[in-house]
Amino acid sequence: MRAVVRLITAVAGLIALAVGVLLIVEAIGAWVSPGSGGVLVPWSSAGSALRGLSWQDVATRVAAAVAALLGLILLLAAARAGRSEVRLMDPAPEVTVTTDPRSLARLVGHRVRAEDGVSGASVTADRRRVKVKAHSRFRTLGDLRDRVSKTATSAVGDLPLQRRPRVSVSVSPAKER
């Protein structure tokens, strides 16, 4: 989602830059030769074409609907792009404590990788969910999934989180060589 927001802001910045340069060129052109029709944009013909449009025209309504839809998409993208934080219990009323999901995933990952029989693990986390994908050292799993699940759940449970995220664990056996 952050890539989409960065792309949208880059495009919006380039459009604003182009419009600003166009306005500067047009202002200097109007200052140098007043009464001309414009340097890059023929303002007189554009103005007469726009005066012929009415709010009842289909083209005007379609343009307004497209602009409203584009604005709604931009608002939703901006609302979703906020920094995600995991809230912890506040030690005092005037103190707010947060951590980022990467730190939560790192903590759970260290504990899971320390478990016997685990050759590696990848952990992703957000406010609502912690996903653990562990890899076994052996081809048979036995009770490794249960042990990894208990370890990950206790790692999350040891933290003073305001909301407990759901922990999901998957374990894959070692590949044959």
C-alpha atoms as a PDB file:
ATOM      1  CA  MET A   1       0.000   0.000   0.000  1.00  0.00           C
ATOM      2  CA  ARG A   2       2.849   2.400   0.720  1.00  0.00           C
ATOM      3  CA  ALA A   3       4.136   1.964  -2.830  1.00  0.00           C
ATOM      4  CA  VAL A   4       0.741   2.987  -4.221  1.00  0.00           C
ATOM      5  CA  VAL A   5       0.640   6.069  -2.007  1.00  0.00           C
ATOM      6  CA  ARG A   6       4.197   6.998  -2.991  1.00  0.00           C
ATOM      7  CA  LEU A   7       3.308   6.609  -6.658  1.00  0.00           C
ATOM      8  CA  ILE A   8       0.167   8.715  -6.277  1.00  0.00           C
ATOM      9  CA  THR A   9       2.019  11.465  -4.418  1.00  0.00           C
ATOM     10  CA  ALA A  10       4.827  11.470  -6.989  1.00  0.00           C
ATOM     11  CA  VAL A  11       2.342  11.807  -9.853  1.00  0.00           C
ATOM     12  CA  ALA A  12       0.408  14.513  -7.985  1.00  0.00           C
ATOM     13  CA  GLY A  13       3.669  16.366  -7.312  1.00  0.00           C
ATOM     14  CA  LEU A  14       4.648  16.220 -10.977  1.00  0.00           C
ATOM     15  CA  ILE A  15       1.216  17.488 -12.021  1.00  0.00           C
ATOM     16  CA  ALA A  16       1.429  20.345  -9.510  1.00  0.00           C
ATOM     17  CA  LEU A  17       4.926  21.192 -10.790  1.00  0.00           C
ATOM     18  CA  ALA A  18       3.709  21.228 -14.411  1.00  0.00           C
ATOM     19  CA  VAL A  19       0.712  23.404 -13.557  1.00  0.00           C
ATOM     20  CA  GLY A  20       2.941  25.787 -11.587  1.00  0.00           C
ATOM     21  CA  VAL A  21       5.432  26.122 -14.451  1.00  0.00           C
ATOM     22  CA  LEU A  22       2.548  26.630 -16.898  1.00  0.00           C
ATOM     23  CA  LEU A  23       1.084  29.381 -14.720  1.00  0.00           C
ATOM     24  CA  ILE A  24       4.473  31.113 -14.399  1.00  0.00           C
ATOM     25  CA  VAL A  25       5.014  31.006 -18.170  1.00  0.00           C
ATOM     26  CA  GLU A  26       1.487  32.296 -18.802  1.00  0.00           C
ATOM     27  CA  ALA A  27       1.856  35.074 -16.193  1.00  0.00           C
ATOM     28  CA  ILE A  28       5.159  36.236 -17.687  1.00  0.00           C
ATOM     29  CA  GLY A  29       3.623  36.062 -21.192  1.00  0.00           C
ATOM     30  CA  ALA A  30       0.631  38.136 -20.080  1.00  0.00           C
ATOM     31  CA  TRP A  31       2.954  40.652 -18.416  1.00  0.00           C
ATOM     32  CA  VAL A  32       5.205  40.968 -21.463  1.00  0.00           C
ATOM     33  CA  SER A  33       2.416  41.232 -24.055  1.00  0.00           C
ATOM     34  CA  PRO A  34      -0.956  42.030 -22.490  1.00  0.00           C
ATOM     35  CA  GLY A  35      -4.003  41.208 -24.555  1.00  0.00           C
ATOM     36  CA  SER A  36      -2.477  38.217 -26.306  1.00  0.00           C
ATOM     37  CA  GLY A  37      -4.370  34.928 -26.232  1.00  0.00           C
ATOM     38  CA  GLY A  38      -1.815  33.152 -24.055  1.00  0.00           C
ATOM     39  CA  VAL A  39       1.647  31.706 -24.588  1.00  0.00           C
ATOM     40  CA  LEU A  40       0.997  27.946 -24.299  1.00  0.00           C
ATOM     41  CA  VAL A  41      -2.759  27.773 -23.684  1.00  0.00           C
ATOM     42  CA  PRO A  42      -5.226  29.581 -25.960  1.00  0.00           C
ATOM     43  CA  TRP A  43      -7.290  31.050 -23.121  1.00  0.00           C
ATOM     44  CA  SER A  44      -9.855  32.817 -25.303  1.00  0.00           C
ATOM     45  CA  SER A  45     -10.898  29.674 -27.207  1.00  0.00           C
ATOM     46  CA  ALA A  46     -10.757  27.550 -24.051  1.00  0.00           C
ATOM     47  CA  GLY A  47     -12.905  30.114 -22.220  1.00  0.00           C
ATOM     48  CA  SER A  48     -15.519  30.192 -24.974  1.00  0.00           C
ATOM     49  CA  ALA A  49     -15.658  26.377 -25.042  1.00  0.00           C
ATOM     50  CA  LEU A  50     -16.137  26.237 -21.261  1.00  0.00           C
ATOM     51  CA  ARG A  51     -18.825  28.949 -21.333  1.00  0.00           C
ATOM     52  CA  GLY A  52     -20.869  26.727 -23.656  1.00  0.00           C
ATOM     53  CA  LEU A  53     -21.026  23.910 -21.060  1.00  0.00           C
ATOM     54  CA  SER A  54     -23.872  23.600 -18.598  1.00  0.00           C
ATOM     55  CA  TRP A  55     -24.252  21.639 -15.362  1.00  0.00           C
ATOM     56  CA  GLN A  56     -26.988  19.656 -17.087  1.00  0.00           C
ATOM     57  CA  ASP A  57     -24.640  18.309 -19.793  1.00  0.00           C
ATOM     58  CA  VAL A  58     -23.635  14.656 -19.647  1.00  0.00           C
ATOM     59  CA  ALA A  59     -19.942  15.486 -20.097  1.00  0.00           C
ATOM     60  CA  THR A  60     -20.019  17.795 -17.077  1.00  0.00           C
ATOM     61  CA  ARG A  61     -21.694  15.204 -14.900  1.00  0.00           C
ATOM     62  CA  VAL A  62     -19.304  12.444 -16.003  1.00  0.00           C
ATOM     63  CA  ALA A  63     -16.309  14.687 -15.289  1.00  0.00           C
ATOM     64  CA  ALA A  64     -17.714  15.505 -11.839  1.00  0.00           C
ATOM     65  CA  ALA A  65     -18.343  11.817 -11.081  1.00  0.00           C
ATOM     66  CA  VAL A  66     -14.810  10.872 -12.191  1.00  0.00           C
ATOM     67  CA  ALA A  67     -13.326  13.652 -10.052  1.00  0.00           C
ATOM     68  CA  ALA A  68     -15.385  12.566  -7.026  1.00  0.00           C
ATOM     69  CA  LEU A  69     -14.370   8.916  -7.507  1.00  0.00           C
ATOM     70  CA  LEU A  70     -10.707   9.858  -7.881  1.00  0.00           C
ATOM     71  CA  GLY A  71     -10.936  11.949  -4.710  1.00  0.00           C
ATOM     72  CA  LEU A  72     -12.532   9.067  -2.820  1.00  0.00           C
ATOM     73  CA  ILE A  73      -9.809   6.677  -3.974  1.00  0.00           C
ATOM     74  CA  LEU A  74      -7.131   9.146  -2.882  1.00  0.00           C
ATOM     75  CA  LEU A  75      -8.780   9.580   0.523  1.00  0.00           C
ATOM     76  CA  LEU A  76      -9.000   5.818   1.062  1.00  0.00           C
ATOM     77  CA  ALA A  77      -5.377   5.329   0.017  1.00  0.00           C
ATOM     78  CA  ALA A  78      -4.229   8.084   2.363  1.00  0.00           C
ATOM     79  CA  ALA A  79      -6.262   6.662   5.245  1.00  0.00           C
ATOM     80  CA  ARG A  80      -4.835   3.161   4.765  1.00  0.00           C
ATOM     81  CA  ALA A  81      -1.261   4.347   4.384  1.00  0.00           C
ATOM     82  CA  GLY A  82      -0.917   5.508   7.960  1.00  0.00           C
ATOM     83  CA  ARG A  83       1.872   4.084  10.018  1.00  0.00           C
ATOM     84  CA  SER A  84       0.793   0.897  11.699  1.00  0.00           C
ATOM     85  CA  GLU A  85       1.586   0.661  15.373  1.00  0.00           C
ATOM     86  CA  VAL A  86       1.022  -1.984  18.011  1.00  0.00           C
ATOM     87  CA  ARG A  87      -0.225  -0.374  21.225  1.00  0.00           C
ATOM     88  CA  LEU A  88       1.088  -1.546  24.558  1.00  0.00           C
ATOM     89  CA  MET A  89      -0.428  -0.942  27.991  1.00  0.00           C
ATOM     90  CA  ASP A  90       0.144   2.619  29.111  1.00  0.00           C
ATOM     91  CA  PRO A  91       2.293   2.808  32.260  1.00  0.00           C
ATOM     92  CA  ALA A  92       0.674   6.112  33.255  1.00  0.00           C
ATOM     93  CA  PRO A  93      -2.354   8.077  32.036  1.00  0.00           C
ATOM     94  CA  GLU A  94      -0.198  10.682  30.293  1.00  0.00           C
ATOM     95  CA  VAL A  95       2.173   8.164  28.658  1.00  0.00           C
ATOM     96  CA  THR A  96       1.433   6.234  25.458  1.00  0.00           C
ATOM     97  CA  VAL A  97       3.616   3.266  24.531  1.00  0.00           C
ATOM     98  CA  THR A  98       3.713   1.731  21.061  1.00  0.00           C
ATOM     99  CA  THR A  99       5.963  -0.540  19.053  1.00  0.00           C
ATOM    100  CA  ASP A 100       6.083  -1.306  15.391  1.00  0.00           C
ATOM    101  CA  PRO A 101       5.004  -4.651  13.912  1.00  0.00           C
ATOM    102  CA  ARG A 102       8.552  -5.388  12.742  1.00  0.00           C
ATOM    103  CA  SER A 103       9.824  -5.355  16.327  1.00  0.00           C
ATOM    104  CA  LEU A 104       7.013  -7.660  17.418  1.00  0.00           C
ATOM    105  CA  ALA A 105       7.837 -10.042  14.562  1.00  0.00           C
ATOM    106  CA  ARG A 106      11.538  -9.913  15.422  1.00  0.00           C
ATOM    107  CA  LEU A 107      10.861 -10.811  19.059  1.00  0.00           C
ATOM    108  CA  VAL A 108       8.617 -13.755  18.167  1.00  0.00           C
ATOM    109  CA  GLY A 109      11.088 -14.881  15.491  1.00  0.00           C
ATOM    110  CA  HIS A 110      14.011 -15.001  17.941  1.00  0.00           C
ATOM    111  CA  ARG A 111      12.036 -17.132  20.357  1.00  0.00           C
ATOM    112  CA  VAL A 112      10.780 -19.495  17.650  1.00  0.00           C
ATOM    113  CA  ARG A 113      14.220 -19.949  16.090  1.00  0.00           C
ATOM    114  CA  ALA A 114      15.604 -20.878  19.533  1.00  0.00           C
ATOM    115  CA  GLU A 115      13.172 -23.819  19.727  1.00  0.00           C
ATOM    116  CA  ASP A 116      14.703 -27.297  19.285  1.00  0.00           C
ATOM    117  CA  GLY A 117      14.155 -28.742  15.825  1.00  0.00           C
ATOM    118  CA  VAL A 118      13.586 -25.402  14.097  1.00  0.00           C
ATOM    119  CA  SER A 119      16.078 -24.646  11.326  1.00  0.00           C
ATOM    120  CA  GLY A 120      14.570 -21.275  10.439  1.00  0.00           C
ATOM    121  CA  ALA A 121      11.439 -19.197  10.645  1.00  0.00           C
ATOM    122  CA  SER A 122       9.874 -16.188   9.017  1.00  0.00           C
ATOM    123  CA  VAL A 123       7.475 -14.085  11.055  1.00  0.00           C
ATOM    124  CA  THR A 124       5.176 -11.293   9.940  1.00  0.00           C
ATOM    125  CA  ALA A 125       3.072  -9.257  12.314  1.00  0.00           C
ATOM    126  CA  ASP A 126       0.511  -6.497  12.393  1.00  0.00           C
ATOM    127  CA  ARG A 127      -1.938  -5.234  14.987  1.00  0.00           C
ATOM    128  CA  ARG A 128      -4.350  -8.103  14.535  1.00  0.00           C
ATOM    129  CA  ARG A 129      -2.238 -11.076  13.520  1.00  0.00           C
ATOM    130  CA  VAL A 130       1.152 -12.734  13.944  1.00  0.00           C
ATOM    131  CA  LYS A 131       2.032 -15.301  11.259  1.00  0.00           C
ATOM    132  CA  VAL A 132       4.838 -17.759  11.893  1.00  0.00           C
ATOM    133  CA  LYS A 133       6.237 -19.986   9.146  1.00  0.00           C
ATOM    134  CA  ALA A 134       8.766 -22.338  10.700  1.00  0.00           C
ATOM    135  CA  HIS A 135      11.021 -24.822   8.938  1.00  0.00           C
ATOM    136  CA  SER A 136      11.925 -28.092  10.635  1.00  0.00           C
ATOM    137  CA  ARG A 137      15.402 -29.587  10.709  1.00  0.00           C
ATOM    138  CA  PHE A 138      13.912 -33.039  10.228  1.00  0.00           C
ATOM    139  CA  ARG A 139      11.555 -34.631   7.705  1.00  0.00           C
ATOM    140  CA  THR A 140       9.123 -35.712  10.427  1.00  0.00           C
ATOM    141  CA  LEU A 141       7.450 -32.946  12.368  1.00  0.00           C
ATOM    142  CA  GLY A 142       6.207 -34.744  15.472  1.00  0.00           C
ATOM    143  CA  ASP A 143       5.012 -32.215  18.044  1.00  0.00           C
ATOM    144  CA  LEU A 144       7.049 -29.337  16.577  1.00  0.00           C
ATOM    145  CA  ARG A 145       3.972 -27.409  15.480  1.00  0.00           C
ATOM    146  CA  ASP A 146       2.517 -27.493  18.991  1.00  0.00           C
ATOM    147  CA  ARG A 147       5.815 -26.417  20.574  1.00  0.00           C
ATOM    148  CA  VAL A 148       6.301 -23.575  18.075  1.00  0.00           C
ATOM    149  CA  SER A 149       2.690 -22.488  18.598  1.00  0.00           C
ATOM    150  CA  LYS A 150       3.127 -22.434  22.389  1.00  0.00           C
ATOM    151  CA  THR A 151       6.418 -20.544  22.072  1.00  0.00           C
ATOM    152  CA  ALA A 152       4.950 -17.928  19.733  1.00  0.00           C
ATOM    153  CA  THR A 153       1.808 -17.545  21.856  1.00  0.00           C
ATOM    154  CA  SER A 154       3.853 -17.147  25.045  1.00  0.00           C
ATOM    155  CA  ALA A 155       6.151 -14.606  23.337  1.00  0.00           C
ATOM    156  CA  VAL A 156       3.110 -12.522  22.399  1.00  0.00           C
ATOM    157  CA  GLY A 157       1.492 -13.163  25.801  1.00  0.00           C
ATOM    158  CA  ASP A 158       4.560 -11.935  27.705  1.00  0.00           C
ATOM    159  CA  LEU A 159       4.180  -8.481  26.187  1.00  0.00           C
ATOM    160  CA  PRO A 160       1.852  -5.935  27.810  1.00  0.00           C
ATOM    161  CA  LEU A 161      -0.251  -5.516  24.663  1.00  0.00           C
ATOM    162  CA  GLN A 162      -3.605  -3.773  24.786  1.00  0.00           C
ATOM    163  CA  ARG A 163      -5.042  -6.249  22.262  1.00  0.00           C
ATOM    164  CA  ARG A 164      -3.687  -9.734  21.793  1.00  0.00           C
ATOM    165  CA  PRO A 165      -3.063 -10.490  18.122  1.00  0.00           C
ATOM    166  CA  ARG A 166      -4.126 -13.852  16.767  1.00  0.00           C
ATOM    167  CA  VAL A 167      -1.156 -16.192  16.331  1.00  0.00           C
ATOM    168  CA  SER A 168      -1.099 -18.594  13.386  1.00  0.00           C
ATOM    169  CA  VAL A 169       1.689 -21.129  12.936  1.00  0.00           C
ATOM    170  CA  SER A 170       2.641 -23.325  10.025  1.00  0.00           C
ATOM    171  CA  VAL A 171       5.568 -25.738  10.069  1.00  0.00           C
ATOM    172  CA  SER A 172       7.141 -27.320   7.009  1.00  0.00           C
ATOM    173  CA  PRO A 173       9.411 -30.373   7.117  1.00  0.00           C
ATOM    174  CA  ALA A 174      13.012 -30.323   5.929  1.00  0.00           C
ATOM    175  CA  LYS A 175      13.472 -30.916   2.213  1.00  0.00           C
ATOM    176  CA  GLU A 176      15.214 -34.017   0.963  1.00  0.00           C
ATOM    177  CA  ARG A 177      18.620 -33.456  -0.500  1.00  0.00           C
END
